[in-house]
Amino acid sequence: MNDQEEKRINVDVLKHVEDLSNKVNKMMSSRTKAVWSRYPLTLGLLILVGAMALHEGLKGLMKDFGLLDINPLYLFIFGLLVLTITGTLYKKLEK
């Protein structure tokens, strides 16, 4: 066998595996639903608990470092700055 025939055989095998994988995905997608539609309440509660834990953790860290003892105006400006930076980053990454 020469190199061209070997490459053609390799490509044919890969094509066959890809086609088989696509067929299996199509068959299974008709039998399954999205996880969110199957367990909306459970996932919603988990997201809520996670967000609350993150909030309380950040608040605890800010208390430990004494950041909540400073002028509330500085915290407000810092929050706006963080939101502006994340919004700008999101717009740049979206492109």
C-alpha atoms as a PDB file:
ATOM      1  CA  MET A   1       0.000   0.000   0.000  1.00  0.00           C
ATOM      2  CA  ASN A   2       1.244   3.460  -0.780  1.00  0.00           C
ATOM      3  CA  ASP A   3       0.817   6.600   1.323  1.00  0.00           C
ATOM      4  CA  GLN A   4      -2.183   7.920  -0.603  1.00  0.00           C
ATOM      5  CA  GLU A   5      -4.184   4.741  -0.134  1.00  0.00           C
ATOM      6  CA  GLU A   6      -3.322   4.663   3.571  1.00  0.00           C
ATOM      7  CA  LYS A   7      -4.431   8.297   4.020  1.00  0.00           C
ATOM      8  CA  ARG A   8      -7.684   7.562   2.176  1.00  0.00           C
ATOM      9  CA  ILE A   9      -8.375   4.566   4.431  1.00  0.00           C
ATOM     10  CA  ASN A  10      -7.656   6.651   7.553  1.00  0.00           C
ATOM     11  CA  VAL A  11      -9.965   9.429   6.359  1.00  0.00           C
ATOM     12  CA  ASP A  12     -12.699   6.913   5.526  1.00  0.00           C
ATOM     13  CA  VAL A  13     -12.498   5.373   9.002  1.00  0.00           C
ATOM     14  CA  LEU A  14     -12.654   8.793  10.673  1.00  0.00           C
ATOM     15  CA  LYS A  15     -15.599   9.785   8.488  1.00  0.00           C
ATOM     16  CA  HIS A  16     -17.406   6.581   9.399  1.00  0.00           C
ATOM     17  CA  VAL A  17     -16.826   7.147  13.143  1.00  0.00           C
ATOM     18  CA  GLU A  18     -18.042  10.749  12.847  1.00  0.00           C
ATOM     19  CA  ASP A  19     -21.202   9.679  10.993  1.00  0.00           C
ATOM     20  CA  LEU A  20     -21.886   6.976  13.566  1.00  0.00           C
ATOM     21  CA  SER A  21     -21.432   9.470  16.396  1.00  0.00           C
ATOM     22  CA  ASN A  22     -23.855  11.913  14.740  1.00  0.00           C
ATOM     23  CA  LYS A  23     -26.484   9.180  14.344  1.00  0.00           C
ATOM     24  CA  VAL A  24     -26.185   8.174  17.999  1.00  0.00           C
ATOM     25  CA  ASN A  25     -26.481  11.818  19.102  1.00  0.00           C
ATOM     26  CA  LYS A  26     -29.631  12.290  17.013  1.00  0.00           C
ATOM     27  CA  MET A  27     -31.216   9.122  18.415  1.00  0.00           C
ATOM     28  CA  MET A  28     -30.442  10.021  22.029  1.00  0.00           C
ATOM     29  CA  SER A  29     -31.499  13.664  21.737  1.00  0.00           C
ATOM     30  CA  SER A  30     -35.037  12.618  20.889  1.00  0.00           C
ATOM     31  CA  ARG A  31     -35.211  10.515  24.080  1.00  0.00           C
ATOM     32  CA  THR A  32     -33.763  13.021  26.513  1.00  0.00           C
ATOM     33  CA  LYS A  33     -34.884  16.454  27.619  1.00  0.00           C
ATOM     34  CA  ALA A  34     -32.791  19.358  28.750  1.00  0.00           C
ATOM     35  CA  VAL A  35     -31.829  19.084  32.408  1.00  0.00           C
ATOM     36  CA  TRP A  36     -33.234  22.524  33.163  1.00  0.00           C
ATOM     37  CA  SER A  37     -36.696  21.576  31.899  1.00  0.00           C
ATOM     38  CA  ARG A  38     -36.666  18.332  33.917  1.00  0.00           C
ATOM     39  CA  TYR A  39     -35.544  19.817  37.251  1.00  0.00           C
ATOM     40  CA  PRO A  40     -36.296  23.560  37.219  1.00  0.00           C
ATOM     41  CA  LEU A  41     -37.077  23.909  40.937  1.00  0.00           C
ATOM     42  CA  THR A  42     -34.052  21.923  42.096  1.00  0.00           C
ATOM     43  CA  LEU A  43     -31.623  23.813  39.879  1.00  0.00           C
ATOM     44  CA  GLY A  44     -33.214  27.151  40.749  1.00  0.00           C
ATOM     45  CA  LEU A  45     -32.800  26.467  44.462  1.00  0.00           C
ATOM     46  CA  LEU A  46     -29.201  25.338  43.988  1.00  0.00           C
ATOM     47  CA  ILE A  47     -28.408  28.533  42.070  1.00  0.00           C
ATOM     48  CA  LEU A  48     -30.085  30.610  44.783  1.00  0.00           C
ATOM     49  CA  VAL A  49     -28.137  28.882  47.574  1.00  0.00           C
ATOM     50  CA  GLY A  50     -24.889  29.289  45.637  1.00  0.00           C
ATOM     51  CA  ALA A  51     -25.485  32.998  45.042  1.00  0.00           C
ATOM     52  CA  MET A  52     -26.368  33.560  48.701  1.00  0.00           C
ATOM     53  CA  ALA A  53     -23.274  31.661  49.864  1.00  0.00           C
ATOM     54  CA  LEU A  54     -21.094  33.737  47.549  1.00  0.00           C
ATOM     55  CA  HIS A  55     -22.667  36.964  48.798  1.00  0.00           C
ATOM     56  CA  GLU A  56     -22.260  36.055  52.464  1.00  0.00           C
ATOM     57  CA  GLY A  57     -18.700  34.859  51.896  1.00  0.00           C
ATOM     58  CA  LEU A  58     -17.723  38.095  50.189  1.00  0.00           C
ATOM     59  CA  LYS A  59     -19.405  40.103  52.940  1.00  0.00           C
ATOM     60  CA  GLY A  60     -17.485  38.124  55.571  1.00  0.00           C
ATOM     61  CA  LEU A  61     -14.193  38.729  53.769  1.00  0.00           C
ATOM     62  CA  MET A  62     -14.929  42.423  53.501  1.00  0.00           C
ATOM     63  CA  LYS A  63     -15.647  42.548  57.253  1.00  0.00           C
ATOM     64  CA  ASP A  64     -12.425  40.691  58.039  1.00  0.00           C
ATOM     65  CA  PHE A  65     -10.363  43.099  55.959  1.00  0.00           C
ATOM     66  CA  GLY A  66     -12.202  46.110  57.329  1.00  0.00           C
ATOM     67  CA  LEU A  67     -13.559  47.199  53.965  1.00  0.00           C
ATOM     68  CA  LEU A  68     -17.057  47.722  55.370  1.00  0.00           C
ATOM     69  CA  ASP A  69     -15.719  50.184  57.928  1.00  0.00           C
ATOM     70  CA  ILE A  70     -14.850  52.779  55.285  1.00  0.00           C
ATOM     71  CA  ASN A  71     -17.102  55.401  53.747  1.00  0.00           C
ATOM     72  CA  PRO A  72     -20.088  53.799  51.907  1.00  0.00           C
ATOM     73  CA  LEU A  73     -19.486  56.170  49.001  1.00  0.00           C
ATOM     74  CA  TYR A  74     -16.147  54.467  48.349  1.00  0.00           C
ATOM     75  CA  LEU A  75     -17.840  51.068  48.326  1.00  0.00           C
ATOM     76  CA  PHE A  76     -20.463  52.383  45.901  1.00  0.00           C
ATOM     77  CA  ILE A  77     -17.803  53.751  43.554  1.00  0.00           C
ATOM     78  CA  PHE A  78     -15.803  50.514  43.818  1.00  0.00           C
ATOM     79  CA  GLY A  79     -18.939  48.486  42.940  1.00  0.00           C
ATOM     80  CA  LEU A  80     -19.667  50.658  39.914  1.00  0.00           C
ATOM     81  CA  LEU A  81     -16.058  50.321  38.792  1.00  0.00           C
ATOM     82  CA  VAL A  82     -16.172  46.514  39.051  1.00  0.00           C
ATOM     83  CA  LEU A  83     -19.462  46.351  37.129  1.00  0.00           C
ATOM     84  CA  THR A  84     -18.104  48.667  34.434  1.00  0.00           C
ATOM     85  CA  ILE A  85     -14.957  46.580  34.018  1.00  0.00           C
ATOM     86  CA  THR A  86     -16.889  43.303  33.822  1.00  0.00           C
ATOM     87  CA  GLY A  87     -19.376  44.795  31.346  1.00  0.00           C
ATOM     88  CA  THR A  88     -16.566  46.040  29.121  1.00  0.00           C
ATOM     89  CA  LEU A  89     -14.806  42.689  29.333  1.00  0.00           C
ATOM     90  CA  TYR A  90     -18.033  40.894  28.439  1.00  0.00           C
ATOM     91  CA  LYS A  91     -18.558  43.068  25.370  1.00  0.00           C
ATOM     92  CA  LYS A  92     -14.988  42.467  24.176  1.00  0.00           C
ATOM     93  CA  LEU A  93     -15.211  38.697  24.706  1.00  0.00           C
ATOM     94  CA  GLU A  94     -18.581  38.512  22.962  1.00  0.00           C
ATOM     95  CA  LYS A  95     -17.043  39.595  19.651  1.00  0.00           C
END
